[in-house]
Amino acid sequence: MPTSLLYDIIVDKKIFLVTCVKKLKMKIKKSIKNFFSGKYYQYTNDKDRKQKAIIGIAASLVIIVIFGIGVYHYFGGRPGKQPLRYTFYDTQKSLEAVSADELNLKESYGADFLSLKDKAIFLQPKDDWSKIINEVPAGKIIVLPEGNYAANFELEKGVEIIGRGDSTVIKSAKKGKPIFRIAGGNVKLQDMYLNDSDIGVTAESGTELTMRYVKIEHMQSTAIYTNGSKVNFQNIYVNNSNSAVKLKNTEGEITGSIIERNLRSGIEAYGSNIKIEGNEISENQSYGVYIDPASTAVIHRNFIEGNKGFNVRVEGEGKIFR
């Protein structure tokens, strides 16, 4: 078993942290007690007492350092907890050969990891993206390469499309058309940058849309528009667009995202049931969050500040927790 994987398992089980905490408390307590109580005066000379005290304090410092490393790895430094970015390679490269990528892929796909290569289609820059993506069967994973591209995608079935973070830049090939128009199915978009178009993503009735680590900027009309859909937006970034996120008859949640400096509102909900948690919504030129009378919302643990209209305006049923 690779050392990194073994270490990750130890951290996941909290054995490492619990052991460090216990040893740290015991060692510090014993060192301080012995150092200040004069206990060693009864059994050793001054030199021995000082040596033992120094060893005890040094051991405590070592444990503190180890404990700090454990906390860092557990709460943010583990490879498996980082965004799934830049972890895919061309078809001729073996995914299993890269240990860091293996951890990331297993974290994201679980039991599906072993069949990932069979499920995935790795597009190349010369391919007709729109044609391939629009024709693939449901359930496929499509991996986009790095580069700047112009395309329009019409999706009516469940697929997962993954880019290479900011290095996969897509804009609309046709003026007035969304980059992604989703008209049904369970669709996942992840790790891509949508830029300089009229509309970023639209999701119509019957769609279940998940977006993770998607950056959307400079949309002349609306960055994200949904109608009759179920959504799960995690860690998205919407900036410098006209309207940012507009939800109509939509159910779902928006978490861990940044929506800022848009010409209109950050999030608008009409006839929707939405949870908005752990986001930063700031410096938009209209409302930060607007909930109409036909909507229900839970707004929890957000940073909402500096919007030109109300930071939060709830006309329907809403629960707001600062």
Protein backbone atom coordinates (compact mmCIF):
# COMPACT_ATOMS: atom_id res chain seq x y z
CA MET A 1 0.00 0.00 0.00
CA PRO A 2 1.45 3.43 -0.92
CA THR A 3 2.61 5.49 2.06
CA SER A 4 0.40 8.44 1.11
CA LEU A 5 -2.70 6.26 0.94
CA LEU A 6 -1.89 4.58 4.27
CA TYR A 7 -1.39 8.00 5.88
CA ASP A 8 -4.70 9.20 4.45
CA ILE A 9 -6.52 6.20 5.90
CA ILE A 10 -4.95 6.83 9.31
CA VAL A 11 -6.08 10.45 9.22
CA ASP A 12 -9.57 9.51 8.02
CA LYS A 13 -10.04 7.20 10.98
CA LYS A 14 -8.94 10.04 13.29
CA ILE A 15 -6.48 7.67 14.94
CA PHE A 16 -3.61 9.99 14.20
CA LEU A 17 -5.24 13.09 15.68
CA VAL A 18 -6.63 11.35 18.75
CA THR A 19 -3.27 9.75 19.53
CA CYS A 20 -1.44 13.06 19.12
CA VAL A 21 -3.86 14.89 21.38
CA LYS A 22 -3.54 12.32 24.15
CA LYS A 23 0.25 12.18 23.97
CA LEU A 24 0.51 15.94 23.79
CA LYS A 25 -1.62 16.48 26.89
CA MET A 26 0.20 13.82 28.91
CA LYS A 27 3.68 14.93 27.90
CA ILE A 28 3.11 18.64 28.48
CA LYS A 29 1.40 18.03 31.82
CA LYS A 30 4.20 15.76 33.02
CA SER A 31 7.00 18.06 31.79
CA ILE A 32 5.53 21.16 33.38
CA LYS A 33 4.80 19.36 36.67
CA ASN A 34 8.30 17.94 36.92
CA PHE A 35 9.98 21.15 35.86
CA PHE A 36 8.26 23.37 38.40
CA SER A 37 7.65 20.99 41.30
CA GLY A 38 11.33 20.33 42.06
CA LYS A 39 10.63 16.60 42.02
CA TYR A 40 14.00 15.82 40.48
CA TYR A 41 15.84 17.52 43.30
CA GLN A 42 15.10 14.49 45.48
CA TYR A 43 16.62 11.94 43.14
CA THR A 44 19.02 13.65 40.79
CA ASN A 45 21.45 16.48 40.70
CA ASP A 46 20.77 19.80 39.07
CA LYS A 47 22.32 18.82 35.74
CA ASP A 48 20.23 15.67 35.36
CA ARG A 49 17.07 17.51 36.33
CA LYS A 50 17.65 20.17 33.68
CA GLN A 51 18.48 17.60 31.02
CA LYS A 52 15.29 15.65 31.68
CA ALA A 53 13.24 18.82 31.69
CA ILE A 54 14.75 19.94 28.36
CA ILE A 55 14.12 16.52 26.81
CA GLY A 56 10.52 16.61 28.00
CA ILE A 57 9.90 20.09 26.60
CA ALA A 58 11.60 19.17 23.31
CA ALA A 59 9.43 16.07 23.01
CA SER A 60 6.36 18.21 23.62
CA LEU A 61 7.37 20.59 20.84
CA VAL A 62 7.89 17.68 18.44
CA ILE A 63 4.42 16.37 19.26
CA ILE A 64 2.95 19.86 18.70
CA VAL A 65 4.55 19.99 15.24
CA ILE A 66 3.26 16.52 14.37
CA PHE A 67 -0.17 17.47 15.65
CA GLY A 68 -0.14 20.60 13.45
CA ILE A 69 0.77 18.55 10.39
CA GLY A 70 -2.07 16.15 11.17
CA VAL A 71 -4.58 18.98 11.50
CA TYR A 72 -3.39 20.49 8.21
CA HIS A 73 -3.74 17.20 6.35
CA TYR A 74 -7.08 16.37 7.90
CA PHE A 75 -8.78 19.72 7.36
CA GLY A 76 -7.39 20.85 4.04
CA GLY A 77 -4.09 19.38 2.97
CA ARG A 78 -5.13 15.89 1.96
CA PRO A 79 -4.97 15.16 -1.77
CA GLY A 80 -8.44 13.59 -1.71
CA LYS A 81 -10.03 16.78 -0.41
CA GLN A 82 -8.68 19.05 -3.13
CA PRO A 83 -10.83 20.00 -6.14
CA LEU A 84 -10.75 17.44 -8.93
CA ARG A 85 -8.66 19.56 -11.30
CA TYR A 86 -5.99 18.71 -13.80
CA THR A 87 -6.25 15.04 -12.93
CA PHE A 88 -7.18 13.63 -16.35
CA TYR A 89 -4.79 12.74 -19.11
CA ASP A 90 -4.90 11.74 -22.76
CA THR A 91 -6.20 8.29 -23.60
CA GLN A 92 -2.73 6.88 -24.17
CA LYS A 93 -1.76 7.58 -20.55
CA SER A 94 -2.80 5.20 -17.83
CA LEU A 95 -4.91 6.81 -15.12
CA GLU A 96 -3.85 4.18 -12.60
CA ALA A 97 -0.18 5.10 -13.05
CA VAL A 98 -0.49 8.41 -11.20
CA SER A 99 -0.97 7.91 -7.47
CA ALA A 100 -2.24 11.44 -6.67
CA ASP A 101 -4.80 11.22 -9.45
CA GLU A 102 -5.83 7.78 -8.27
CA LEU A 103 -6.69 9.19 -4.86
CA ASN A 104 -8.65 12.07 -6.41
CA LEU A 105 -10.56 9.82 -8.78
CA LYS A 106 -11.43 7.34 -6.05
CA GLU A 107 -12.60 10.22 -3.85
CA SER A 108 -14.96 11.47 -6.57
CA TYR A 109 -16.14 8.24 -8.15
CA GLY A 110 -15.87 5.62 -5.45
CA ALA A 111 -16.78 2.20 -6.78
CA ASP A 112 -17.03 3.60 -10.32
CA PHE A 113 -13.29 4.28 -10.39
CA LEU A 114 -12.34 0.90 -11.84
CA SER A 115 -14.75 1.34 -14.75
CA LEU A 116 -13.94 5.02 -15.33
CA LYS A 117 -11.81 4.38 -18.40
CA ASP A 118 -14.64 2.40 -19.95
CA LYS A 119 -17.13 5.18 -19.23
CA ALA A 120 -15.02 8.20 -20.19
CA ILE A 121 -14.63 9.79 -23.60
CA PHE A 122 -11.50 11.93 -23.84
CA LEU A 123 -12.07 14.69 -26.37
CA GLN A 124 -9.24 16.21 -28.37
CA PRO A 125 -9.05 19.81 -29.64
CA LYS A 126 -9.60 18.71 -33.25
CA ASP A 127 -12.83 16.82 -32.41
CA ASP A 128 -16.29 18.17 -33.13
CA TRP A 129 -17.23 18.64 -29.49
CA SER A 130 -20.86 19.56 -29.99
CA LYS A 131 -21.52 16.61 -32.29
CA ILE A 132 -19.83 14.07 -30.01
CA ILE A 133 -21.38 15.32 -26.76
CA ASN A 134 -24.85 15.68 -28.25
CA GLU A 135 -24.73 12.11 -29.60
CA VAL A 136 -23.14 10.16 -26.70
CA PRO A 137 -25.38 7.73 -24.80
CA ALA A 138 -26.57 8.55 -21.29
CA GLY A 139 -24.22 7.81 -18.40
CA LYS A 140 -20.98 8.70 -20.18
CA ILE A 141 -18.22 10.85 -18.67
CA ILE A 142 -16.74 13.33 -21.12
CA VAL A 143 -13.32 14.82 -20.42
CA LEU A 144 -12.49 18.12 -22.12
CA PRO A 145 -8.90 19.15 -22.94
CA GLU A 146 -7.17 22.41 -22.12
CA GLY A 147 -7.56 25.31 -24.53
CA ASN A 148 -9.96 28.01 -25.73
CA TYR A 149 -13.02 26.79 -27.61
CA ALA A 150 -16.30 28.00 -29.09
CA ALA A 151 -19.19 25.54 -28.82
CA ASN A 152 -22.88 25.11 -28.03
CA PHE A 153 -24.06 21.96 -26.28
CA GLU A 154 -27.63 20.61 -26.45
CA LEU A 155 -28.11 17.97 -23.75
CA GLU A 156 -31.25 15.93 -23.21
CA LYS A 157 -29.76 13.00 -21.28
CA GLY A 158 -27.61 12.30 -18.27
CA VAL A 159 -23.90 12.91 -18.90
CA GLU A 160 -20.97 14.23 -16.88
CA ILE A 161 -18.65 16.78 -18.48
CA ILE A 162 -15.33 17.56 -16.81
CA GLY A 163 -12.73 20.12 -17.91
CA ARG A 164 -9.29 21.13 -16.65
CA GLY A 165 -10.32 24.07 -14.49
CA ASP A 166 -9.46 27.56 -15.75
CA SER A 167 -7.48 25.98 -18.58
CA THR A 168 -10.66 24.77 -20.31
CA VAL A 169 -12.26 27.99 -21.59
CA ILE A 170 -15.52 27.79 -23.53
CA LYS A 171 -17.62 30.50 -25.14
CA SER A 172 -20.75 30.26 -27.26
CA ALA A 173 -20.22 29.65 -30.96
CA LYS A 174 -23.54 31.33 -31.83
CA LYS A 175 -24.69 34.70 -30.56
CA GLY A 176 -27.77 34.56 -28.33
CA LYS A 177 -27.45 30.83 -27.61
CA PRO A 178 -26.38 29.38 -24.26
CA ILE A 179 -23.12 27.50 -24.04
CA PHE A 180 -25.00 24.66 -22.33
CA ARG A 181 -28.71 24.13 -22.96
CA ILE A 182 -29.92 21.21 -20.84
CA ALA A 183 -33.41 19.89 -21.52
CA GLY A 184 -33.57 16.80 -19.32
CA GLY A 185 -31.55 14.12 -17.58
CA ASN A 186 -29.06 14.11 -14.73
CA VAL A 187 -26.24 16.35 -15.95
CA LYS A 188 -23.01 17.22 -14.15
CA LEU A 189 -20.64 20.02 -15.17
CA GLN A 190 -17.30 20.32 -13.42
CA ASP A 191 -13.98 22.19 -13.62
CA MET A 192 -14.45 24.55 -16.56
CA TYR A 193 -14.47 28.25 -17.37
CA LEU A 194 -17.41 29.71 -19.33
CA ASN A 195 -16.69 33.17 -20.66
CA ASP A 196 -17.70 36.03 -22.95
CA SER A 197 -21.14 34.92 -24.19
CA ASP A 198 -24.80 35.90 -23.91
CA ILE A 199 -25.93 32.98 -21.70
CA GLY A 200 -23.87 30.48 -19.76
CA VAL A 201 -26.12 27.58 -18.71
CA THR A 202 -29.87 26.99 -19.01
CA ALA A 203 -31.66 24.03 -17.44
CA GLU A 204 -35.24 23.23 -18.44
CA SER A 205 -38.03 21.12 -16.96
CA GLY A 206 -37.02 17.59 -15.98
CA THR A 207 -33.34 18.43 -15.54
CA GLU A 208 -31.22 17.53 -12.52
CA LEU A 209 -28.17 19.77 -12.78
CA THR A 210 -25.03 19.56 -10.65
CA MET A 211 -22.24 22.09 -11.12
CA ARG A 212 -18.95 21.99 -9.23
CA TYR A 213 -15.95 24.30 -9.64
CA VAL A 214 -17.47 26.06 -12.65
CA LYS A 215 -16.36 29.64 -13.27
CA ILE A 216 -18.67 31.91 -15.30
CA GLU A 217 -17.77 35.45 -16.32
CA HIS A 218 -18.83 38.17 -18.76
CA MET A 219 -22.29 36.90 -19.70
CA GLN A 220 -24.29 39.62 -21.45
CA SER A 221 -27.69 38.24 -20.43
CA THR A 222 -27.75 35.58 -17.68
CA ALA A 223 -24.99 33.37 -16.33
CA ILE A 224 -27.30 30.57 -15.05
CA TYR A 225 -31.05 30.22 -15.70
CA THR A 226 -33.13 27.27 -14.53
CA ASN A 227 -36.84 26.49 -14.95
CA GLY A 228 -38.55 23.42 -13.50
CA SER A 229 -35.25 21.86 -12.49
CA LYS A 230 -33.44 20.37 -9.52
CA VAL A 231 -30.03 21.90 -8.90
CA ASN A 232 -26.95 21.41 -6.77
CA PHE A 233 -24.36 24.15 -7.25
CA GLN A 234 -21.12 23.73 -5.29
CA ASN A 235 -18.12 26.05 -5.42
CA ILE A 236 -19.22 27.96 -8.49
CA TYR A 237 -17.96 31.45 -9.29
CA VAL A 238 -20.15 33.97 -11.13
CA ASN A 239 -18.66 37.38 -11.81
CA ASN A 240 -19.08 40.41 -14.08
CA SER A 241 -22.23 39.19 -15.80
CA ASN A 242 -25.63 40.82 -16.25
CA SER A 243 -27.89 38.55 -14.13
CA ALA A 244 -25.98 35.94 -12.16
CA VAL A 245 -28.25 33.08 -11.00
CA LYS A 246 -31.95 33.12 -11.85
CA LEU A 247 -34.11 30.25 -10.57
CA LYS A 248 -37.71 29.66 -11.63
CA ASN A 249 -39.80 26.75 -10.26
CA THR A 250 -36.53 25.23 -9.13
CA GLU A 251 -35.60 23.09 -6.14
CA GLY A 252 -32.13 22.57 -4.70
CA GLU A 253 -29.18 24.30 -3.08
CA ILE A 254 -26.28 26.64 -3.71
CA THR A 255 -23.29 26.17 -1.40
CA GLY A 256 -19.70 27.33 -1.06
CA SER A 257 -19.91 29.72 -4.01
CA ILE A 258 -18.88 33.28 -4.84
CA ILE A 259 -21.31 35.52 -6.73
CA GLU A 260 -20.02 39.05 -7.05
CA ARG A 261 -19.87 42.24 -9.11
CA ASN A 262 -22.76 41.42 -11.45
CA LEU A 263 -24.89 44.14 -13.04
CA ARG A 264 -28.12 42.83 -11.54
CA SER A 265 -28.92 40.55 -8.61
CA GLY A 266 -26.76 37.74 -7.31
CA ILE A 267 -29.46 35.10 -6.78
CA GLU A 268 -33.12 35.47 -7.76
CA ALA A 269 -35.72 32.82 -6.92
CA TYR A 270 -39.26 32.72 -8.38
CA GLY A 271 -41.65 29.96 -7.29
CA SER A 272 -38.67 27.98 -6.03
CA ASN A 273 -37.56 26.06 -2.95
CA ILE A 274 -33.90 26.81 -2.42
CA LYS A 275 -31.19 26.48 0.23
CA ILE A 276 -28.42 29.10 0.11
CA GLU A 277 -25.57 28.27 2.47
CA GLY A 278 -21.93 29.20 2.96
CA ASN A 279 -21.67 31.58 0.00
CA GLU A 280 -20.15 35.01 -0.57
CA ILE A 281 -22.60 37.29 -2.39
CA SER A 282 -21.27 40.81 -2.69
CA GLU A 283 -21.04 44.01 -4.74
CA ASN A 284 -23.87 43.13 -7.12
CA GLN A 285 -25.66 46.14 -8.60
CA SER A 286 -29.15 45.06 -7.46
CA TYR A 287 -30.14 42.62 -4.69
CA GLY A 288 -27.71 40.17 -3.20
CA VAL A 289 -30.50 37.60 -2.79
CA TYR A 290 -34.12 38.06 -3.87
CA ILE A 291 -36.83 35.55 -2.88
CA ASP A 292 -40.28 36.19 -4.39
CA PRO A 293 -43.61 35.56 -2.54
CA ALA A 294 -44.09 32.16 -4.20
CA SER A 295 -40.74 30.83 -3.03
CA THR A 296 -39.37 29.30 0.16
CA ALA A 297 -35.75 29.64 1.16
CA VAL A 298 -33.25 28.80 3.85
CA ILE A 299 -30.39 31.30 3.92
CA HIS A 300 -27.65 30.16 6.27
CA ARG A 301 -24.03 31.14 7.09
CA ASN A 302 -23.47 33.41 4.08
CA PHE A 303 -21.39 36.55 3.67
CA ILE A 304 -23.78 38.98 1.93
CA GLU A 305 -22.58 42.56 1.83
CA GLY A 306 -22.10 45.62 -0.38
CA ASN A 307 -24.95 44.94 -2.82
CA LYS A 308 -26.65 48.05 -4.23
CA GLY A 309 -30.21 46.95 -3.46
CA PHE A 310 -31.16 45.02 -0.33
CA ASN A 311 -28.51 42.50 0.60
CA VAL A 312 -31.36 40.03 1.19
CA ARG A 313 -35.00 40.59 0.26
CA VAL A 314 -37.42 37.80 1.15
CA GLU A 315 -41.02 38.35 0.12
CA GLY A 316 -42.03 34.73 0.50
CA GLU A 317 -41.34 32.25 3.26
CA GLY A 318 -37.74 32.36 4.35
CA LYS A 319 -35.51 31.37 7.22
CA ILE A 320 -32.43 33.51 7.53
CA PHE A 321 -29.60 32.59 9.86
CA ARG A 322 -26.80 35.12 10.06
